[in-house]
ModelCIF file with pLDDT and N, C-alpha, C, O atoms, coordinates in Angstrom:
data_MODEL
#
_entry.id   MODEL 
#
_entity.id                         1 
_entity.type                       polymer 
_entity.pdbx_number_of_molecules   1 
#
_entity_poly.entity_id                      1 
_entity_poly.type                           'polypeptide(L)' 
_entity_poly.nstd_linkage                   no 
_entity_poly.nstd_monomer                   no 
_entity_poly.pdbx_seq_one_letter_code       TLLDVAMHGLPVTFVLDRAGITGPDGPSH 
_entity_poly.pdbx_seq_one_letter_code_can   TLLDVAMHGLPVTFVLDRAGITGPDGPSH 
_entity_poly.pdbx_strand_id                 A 
#
loop_
_entity_poly_seq.entity_id 
_entity_poly_seq.num 
_entity_poly_seq.mon_id 
_entity_poly_seq.hetero 
1 1  THR n 
1 2  LEU n 
1 3  LEU n 
1 4  ASP n 
1 5  VAL n 
1 6  ALA n 
1 7  MET n 
1 8  HIS n 
1 9  GLY n 
1 10 LEU n 
1 11 PRO n 
1 12 VAL n 
1 13 THR n 
1 14 PHE n 
1 15 VAL n 
1 16 LEU n 
1 17 ASP n 
1 18 ARG n 
1 19 ALA n 
1 20 GLY n 
1 21 ILE n 
1 22 THR n 
1 23 GLY n 
1 24 PRO n 
1 25 ASP n 
1 26 GLY n 
1 27 PRO n 
1 28 SER n 
1 29 HIS n 
#
_struct_asym.id          A 
_struct_asym.entity_id   1 
#
loop_
_ma_qa_metric.id 
_ma_qa_metric.mode 
_ma_qa_metric.name 
_ma_qa_metric.software_group_id 
_ma_qa_metric.type 
1 global pLDDT . pLDDT 
2 local  pLDDT . pLDDT 
#
_ma_qa_metric_global.metric_id      1 
_ma_qa_metric_global.metric_value   94.31 
_ma_qa_metric_global.model_id       1 
_ma_qa_metric_global.ordinal_id     1 
#
loop_
_ma_qa_metric_local.label_asym_id 
_ma_qa_metric_local.label_comp_id 
_ma_qa_metric_local.label_seq_id 
_ma_qa_metric_local.metric_id 
_ma_qa_metric_local.metric_value 
_ma_qa_metric_local.model_id 
_ma_qa_metric_local.ordinal_id 
A THR 1  2 98.00 1 1  
A LEU 2  2 98.00 1 2  
A LEU 3  2 97.00 1 3  
A ASP 4  2 98.00 1 4  
A VAL 5  2 98.00 1 5  
A ALA 6  2 98.00 1 6  
A MET 7  2 98.00 1 7  
A HIS 8  2 98.00 1 8  
A GLY 9  2 98.00 1 9  
A LEU 10 2 98.00 1 10 
A PRO 11 2 98.00 1 11 
A VAL 12 2 98.00 1 12 
A THR 13 2 98.00 1 13 
A PHE 14 2 98.00 1 14 
A VAL 15 2 98.00 1 15 
A LEU 16 2 98.00 1 16 
A ASP 17 2 96.00 1 17 
A ARG 18 2 95.00 1 18 
A ALA 19 2 96.00 1 19 
A GLY 20 2 94.00 1 20 
A ILE 21 2 92.00 1 21 
A THR 22 2 89.00 1 22 
A GLY 23 2 82.00 1 23 
A PRO 24 2 87.00 1 24 
A ASP 25 2 86.00 1 25 
A GLY 26 2 86.00 1 26 
A PRO 27 2 88.00 1 27 
A SER 28 2 88.00 1 28 
A HIS 29 2 89.00 1 29 
#
loop_
_atom_site.group_PDB 
_atom_site.id 
_atom_site.type_symbol 
_atom_site.label_atom_id 
_atom_site.label_alt_id 
_atom_site.label_comp_id 
_atom_site.label_asym_id 
_atom_site.label_entity_id 
_atom_site.label_seq_id 
_atom_site.pdbx_PDB_ins_code 
_atom_site.Cartn_x 
_atom_site.Cartn_y 
_atom_site.Cartn_z 
_atom_site.occupancy 
_atom_site.B_iso_or_equiv 
_atom_site.pdbx_formal_charge 
_atom_site.auth_seq_id 
_atom_site.auth_comp_id 
_atom_site.auth_asym_id 
_atom_site.auth_atom_id 
_atom_site.pdbx_PDB_model_num 
ATOM 1   N N  . THR A 1 1  ? 0.788   -1.049  -0.101 1.00 98.00 ? 1  THR A N  1 
ATOM 2   C CA . THR A 1 1  ? 0.300   0.013   -0.193 1.00 98.00 ? 1  THR A CA 1 
ATOM 3   C C  . THR A 1 1  ? 0.707   1.291   0.093  1.00 98.00 ? 1  THR A C  1 
ATOM 4   O O  . THR A 1 1  ? -0.027  2.266   -0.065 1.00 98.00 ? 1  THR A O  1 
ATOM 5   N N  . LEU A 1 2  ? 2.047   1.359   0.583  1.00 98.00 ? 2  LEU A N  1 
ATOM 6   C CA . LEU A 1 2  ? 2.723   2.545   1.145  1.00 98.00 ? 2  LEU A CA 1 
ATOM 7   C C  . LEU A 1 2  ? 3.881   2.776   -0.601 1.00 98.00 ? 2  LEU A C  1 
ATOM 8   O O  . LEU A 1 2  ? 4.182   3.700   -1.356 1.00 98.00 ? 2  LEU A O  1 
ATOM 9   N N  . LEU A 1 3  ? 4.132   1.421   -0.489 1.00 97.00 ? 3  LEU A N  1 
ATOM 10  C CA . LEU A 1 3  ? 5.277   1.755   -1.719 1.00 97.00 ? 3  LEU A CA 1 
ATOM 11  C C  . LEU A 1 3  ? 4.936   1.424   -3.088 1.00 97.00 ? 3  LEU A C  1 
ATOM 12  O O  . LEU A 1 3  ? 5.565   2.035   -3.952 1.00 97.00 ? 3  LEU A O  1 
ATOM 13  N N  . ASP A 1 4  ? 3.861   0.382   -3.551 1.00 98.00 ? 4  ASP A N  1 
ATOM 14  C CA . ASP A 1 4  ? 3.682   -0.304  -4.336 1.00 98.00 ? 4  ASP A CA 1 
ATOM 15  C C  . ASP A 1 4  ? 2.086   0.943   -5.612 1.00 98.00 ? 4  ASP A C  1 
ATOM 16  O O  . ASP A 1 4  ? 1.805   1.168   -6.789 1.00 98.00 ? 4  ASP A O  1 
ATOM 17  N N  . VAL A 1 5  ? 1.598   1.314   -4.138 1.00 98.00 ? 5  VAL A N  1 
ATOM 18  C CA . VAL A 1 5  ? -0.110  2.241   -4.364 1.00 98.00 ? 5  VAL A CA 1 
ATOM 19  C C  . VAL A 1 5  ? 0.473   3.351   -4.536 1.00 98.00 ? 5  VAL A C  1 
ATOM 20  O O  . VAL A 1 5  ? 0.813   3.805   -5.629 1.00 98.00 ? 5  VAL A O  1 
ATOM 21  N N  . ALA A 1 6  ? 0.676   4.024   -3.136 1.00 98.00 ? 6  ALA A N  1 
ATOM 22  C CA . ALA A 1 6  ? 0.755   5.456   -2.917 1.00 98.00 ? 6  ALA A CA 1 
ATOM 23  C C  . ALA A 1 6  ? 1.746   6.189   -3.417 1.00 98.00 ? 6  ALA A C  1 
ATOM 24  O O  . ALA A 1 6  ? 1.537   7.323   -3.849 1.00 98.00 ? 6  ALA A O  1 
ATOM 25  N N  . MET A 1 7  ? 3.159   5.523   -3.416 1.00 98.00 ? 7  MET A N  1 
ATOM 26  C CA . MET A 1 7  ? 4.533   6.159   -3.805 1.00 98.00 ? 7  MET A CA 1 
ATOM 27  C C  . MET A 1 7  ? 4.179   6.558   -5.319 1.00 98.00 ? 7  MET A C  1 
ATOM 28  O O  . MET A 1 7  ? 4.646   7.615   -5.741 1.00 98.00 ? 7  MET A O  1 
ATOM 29  N N  . HIS A 1 8  ? 3.413   5.801   -6.122 1.00 98.00 ? 8  HIS A N  1 
ATOM 30  C CA . HIS A 1 8  ? 3.313   5.856   -7.465 1.00 98.00 ? 8  HIS A CA 1 
ATOM 31  C C  . HIS A 1 8  ? 1.841   7.277   -7.661 1.00 98.00 ? 8  HIS A C  1 
ATOM 32  O O  . HIS A 1 8  ? 1.504   7.828   -8.710 1.00 98.00 ? 8  HIS A O  1 
ATOM 33  N N  . GLY A 1 9  ? 1.459   7.426   -6.724 1.00 98.00 ? 9  GLY A N  1 
ATOM 34  C CA . GLY A 1 9  ? 0.082   8.016   -7.130 1.00 98.00 ? 9  GLY A CA 1 
ATOM 35  C C  . GLY A 1 9  ? -0.875  7.466   -7.814 1.00 98.00 ? 9  GLY A C  1 
ATOM 36  O O  . GLY A 1 9  ? -1.256  7.974   -8.868 1.00 98.00 ? 9  GLY A O  1 
ATOM 37  N N  . LEU A 1 10 ? -1.468  6.219   -7.263 1.00 98.00 ? 10 LEU A N  1 
ATOM 38  C CA . LEU A 1 10 ? -2.249  5.452   -8.135 1.00 98.00 ? 10 LEU A CA 1 
ATOM 39  C C  . LEU A 1 10 ? -3.547  5.556   -7.434 1.00 98.00 ? 10 LEU A C  1 
ATOM 40  O O  . LEU A 1 10 ? -3.681  5.704   -6.219 1.00 98.00 ? 10 LEU A O  1 
ATOM 41  N N  . PRO A 1 11 ? -4.282  5.484   -8.118 1.00 98.00 ? 11 PRO A N  1 
ATOM 42  C CA . PRO A 1 11 ? -6.040  5.807   -8.090 1.00 98.00 ? 11 PRO A CA 1 
ATOM 43  C C  . PRO A 1 11 ? -6.454  4.278   -7.659 1.00 98.00 ? 11 PRO A C  1 
ATOM 44  O O  . PRO A 1 11 ? -6.791  3.492   -8.544 1.00 98.00 ? 11 PRO A O  1 
ATOM 45  N N  . VAL A 1 12 ? -6.422  3.870   -6.275 1.00 98.00 ? 12 VAL A N  1 
ATOM 46  C CA . VAL A 1 12 ? -6.699  2.713   -5.879 1.00 98.00 ? 12 VAL A CA 1 
ATOM 47  C C  . VAL A 1 12 ? -7.535  2.683   -4.907 1.00 98.00 ? 12 VAL A C  1 
ATOM 48  O O  . VAL A 1 12 ? -7.104  3.084   -3.826 1.00 98.00 ? 12 VAL A O  1 
ATOM 49  N N  . THR A 1 13 ? -8.658  2.311   -4.962 1.00 98.00 ? 13 THR A N  1 
ATOM 50  C CA . THR A 1 13 ? -9.657  2.445   -3.782 1.00 98.00 ? 13 THR A CA 1 
ATOM 51  C C  . THR A 1 13 ? -9.646  1.087   -2.779 1.00 98.00 ? 13 THR A C  1 
ATOM 52  O O  . THR A 1 13 ? -9.876  -0.050  -3.191 1.00 98.00 ? 13 THR A O  1 
ATOM 53  N N  . PHE A 1 14 ? -9.301  1.469   -1.237 1.00 98.00 ? 14 PHE A N  1 
ATOM 54  C CA . PHE A 1 14 ? -9.384  -0.138  -0.455 1.00 98.00 ? 14 PHE A CA 1 
ATOM 55  C C  . PHE A 1 14 ? -10.693 0.072   0.222  1.00 98.00 ? 14 PHE A C  1 
ATOM 56  O O  . PHE A 1 14 ? -11.085 1.044   0.868  1.00 98.00 ? 14 PHE A O  1 
ATOM 57  N N  . VAL A 1 15 ? -11.271 -1.030  -0.059 1.00 98.00 ? 15 VAL A N  1 
ATOM 58  C CA . VAL A 1 15 ? -12.918 -0.697  0.995  1.00 98.00 ? 15 VAL A CA 1 
ATOM 59  C C  . VAL A 1 15 ? -12.722 -1.958  2.252  1.00 98.00 ? 15 VAL A C  1 
ATOM 60  O O  . VAL A 1 15 ? -12.884 -3.129  1.908  1.00 98.00 ? 15 VAL A O  1 
ATOM 61  N N  . LEU A 1 16 ? -12.440 -1.698  3.409  1.00 98.00 ? 16 LEU A N  1 
ATOM 62  C CA . LEU A 1 16 ? -12.195 -2.395  4.706  1.00 98.00 ? 16 LEU A CA 1 
ATOM 63  C C  . LEU A 1 16 ? -13.287 -2.745  5.370  1.00 98.00 ? 16 LEU A C  1 
ATOM 64  O O  . LEU A 1 16 ? -13.748 -1.939  6.178  1.00 98.00 ? 16 LEU A O  1 
ATOM 65  N N  . ASP A 1 17 ? -13.883 -3.931  5.181  1.00 96.00 ? 17 ASP A N  1 
ATOM 66  C CA . ASP A 1 17 ? -14.963 -4.093  5.496  1.00 96.00 ? 17 ASP A CA 1 
ATOM 67  C C  . ASP A 1 17 ? -14.311 -5.009  7.223  1.00 96.00 ? 17 ASP A C  1 
ATOM 68  O O  . ASP A 1 17 ? -13.196 -5.525  7.306  1.00 96.00 ? 17 ASP A O  1 
ATOM 69  N N  . ARG A 1 18 ? -15.411 -4.979  8.450  1.00 95.00 ? 18 ARG A N  1 
ATOM 70  C CA . ARG A 1 18 ? -15.149 -5.510  9.724  1.00 95.00 ? 18 ARG A CA 1 
ATOM 71  C C  . ARG A 1 18 ? -14.291 -4.544  10.036 1.00 95.00 ? 18 ARG A C  1 
ATOM 72  O O  . ARG A 1 18 ? -13.423 -5.039  10.756 1.00 95.00 ? 18 ARG A O  1 
ATOM 73  N N  . ALA A 1 19 ? -14.047 -3.098  9.804  1.00 96.00 ? 19 ALA A N  1 
ATOM 74  C CA . ALA A 1 19 ? -13.141 -2.255  10.475 1.00 96.00 ? 19 ALA A CA 1 
ATOM 75  C C  . ALA A 1 19 ? -13.649 -2.006  12.330 1.00 96.00 ? 19 ALA A C  1 
ATOM 76  O O  . ALA A 1 19 ? -14.780 -2.319  12.701 1.00 96.00 ? 19 ALA A O  1 
ATOM 77  N N  . GLY A 1 20 ? -12.976 -1.626  12.953 1.00 94.00 ? 20 GLY A N  1 
ATOM 78  C CA . GLY A 1 20 ? -13.273 -1.293  14.187 1.00 94.00 ? 20 GLY A CA 1 
ATOM 79  C C  . GLY A 1 20 ? -13.148 -2.804  14.883 1.00 94.00 ? 20 GLY A C  1 
ATOM 80  O O  . GLY A 1 20 ? -12.624 -3.856  14.514 1.00 94.00 ? 20 GLY A O  1 
ATOM 81  N N  . ILE A 1 21 ? -14.027 -2.316  16.300 1.00 92.00 ? 21 ILE A N  1 
ATOM 82  C CA . ILE A 1 21 ? -13.931 -4.077  17.280 1.00 92.00 ? 21 ILE A CA 1 
ATOM 83  C C  . ILE A 1 21 ? -15.075 -4.484  16.249 1.00 92.00 ? 21 ILE A C  1 
ATOM 84  O O  . ILE A 1 21 ? -15.997 -3.913  15.665 1.00 92.00 ? 21 ILE A O  1 
ATOM 85  N N  . THR A 1 22 ? -14.537 -5.768  16.327 1.00 89.00 ? 22 THR A N  1 
ATOM 86  C CA . THR A 1 22 ? -15.873 -6.711  15.548 1.00 89.00 ? 22 THR A CA 1 
ATOM 87  C C  . THR A 1 22 ? -16.289 -7.871  16.446 1.00 89.00 ? 22 THR A C  1 
ATOM 88  O O  . THR A 1 22 ? -17.313 -8.435  16.059 1.00 89.00 ? 22 THR A O  1 
ATOM 89  N N  . GLY A 1 23 ? -15.721 -8.369  17.578 1.00 82.00 ? 23 GLY A N  1 
ATOM 90  C CA . GLY A 1 23 ? -16.381 -8.703  18.412 1.00 82.00 ? 23 GLY A CA 1 
ATOM 91  C C  . GLY A 1 23 ? -15.999 -10.824 18.676 1.00 82.00 ? 23 GLY A C  1 
ATOM 92  O O  . GLY A 1 23 ? -14.892 -11.046 19.166 1.00 82.00 ? 23 GLY A O  1 
ATOM 93  N N  . PRO A 1 24 ? -16.783 -11.967 18.388 1.00 87.00 ? 24 PRO A N  1 
ATOM 94  C CA . PRO A 1 24 ? -16.224 -12.851 18.750 1.00 87.00 ? 24 PRO A CA 1 
ATOM 95  C C  . PRO A 1 24 ? -15.271 -13.644 17.751 1.00 87.00 ? 24 PRO A C  1 
ATOM 96  O O  . PRO A 1 24 ? -14.831 -14.781 17.920 1.00 87.00 ? 24 PRO A O  1 
ATOM 97  N N  . ASP A 1 25 ? -15.112 -13.031 16.974 1.00 86.00 ? 25 ASP A N  1 
ATOM 98  C CA . ASP A 1 25 ? -13.844 -13.605 16.625 1.00 86.00 ? 25 ASP A CA 1 
ATOM 99  C C  . ASP A 1 25 ? -12.217 -13.381 17.003 1.00 86.00 ? 25 ASP A C  1 
ATOM 100 O O  . ASP A 1 25 ? -11.214 -13.965 16.593 1.00 86.00 ? 25 ASP A O  1 
ATOM 101 N N  . GLY A 1 26 ? -12.409 -12.201 18.036 1.00 86.00 ? 26 GLY A N  1 
ATOM 102 C CA . GLY A 1 26 ? -11.176 -12.092 19.396 1.00 86.00 ? 26 GLY A CA 1 
ATOM 103 C C  . GLY A 1 26 ? -10.074 -11.099 18.199 1.00 86.00 ? 26 GLY A C  1 
ATOM 104 O O  . GLY A 1 26 ? -10.228 -10.804 17.014 1.00 86.00 ? 26 GLY A O  1 
ATOM 105 N N  . PRO A 1 27 ? -8.864  -10.783 19.288 1.00 88.00 ? 27 PRO A N  1 
ATOM 106 C CA . PRO A 1 27 ? -8.040  -9.908  18.855 1.00 88.00 ? 27 PRO A CA 1 
ATOM 107 C C  . PRO A 1 27 ? -7.636  -9.769  17.303 1.00 88.00 ? 27 PRO A C  1 
ATOM 108 O O  . PRO A 1 27 ? -7.905  -8.858  16.520 1.00 88.00 ? 27 PRO A O  1 
ATOM 109 N N  . SER A 1 28 ? -6.947  -10.888 17.113 1.00 88.00 ? 28 SER A N  1 
ATOM 110 C CA . SER A 1 28 ? -6.639  -10.941 15.605 1.00 88.00 ? 28 SER A CA 1 
ATOM 111 C C  . SER A 1 28 ? -7.284  -10.498 14.516 1.00 88.00 ? 28 SER A C  1 
ATOM 112 O O  . SER A 1 28 ? -6.747  -10.048 13.504 1.00 88.00 ? 28 SER A O  1 
ATOM 113 N N  . HIS A 1 29 ? -9.179  -10.704 14.847 1.00 89.00 ? 29 HIS A N  1 
ATOM 114 C CA . HIS A 1 29 ? -9.210  -9.858  13.505 1.00 89.00 ? 29 HIS A CA 1 
ATOM 115 C C  . HIS A 1 29 ? -10.246 -8.684  13.897 1.00 89.00 ? 29 HIS A C  1 
ATOM 116 O O  . HIS A 1 29 ? -10.528 -7.810  13.077 1.00 89.00 ? 29 HIS A O  1 
#
């Protein structure tokens, strides 16, 4: 994300599902 996308100023949209505290699956999730 940092060097392959952002450093080149590329238009890539990341959609992050399950953001924040998600609950039953625990800390790794």
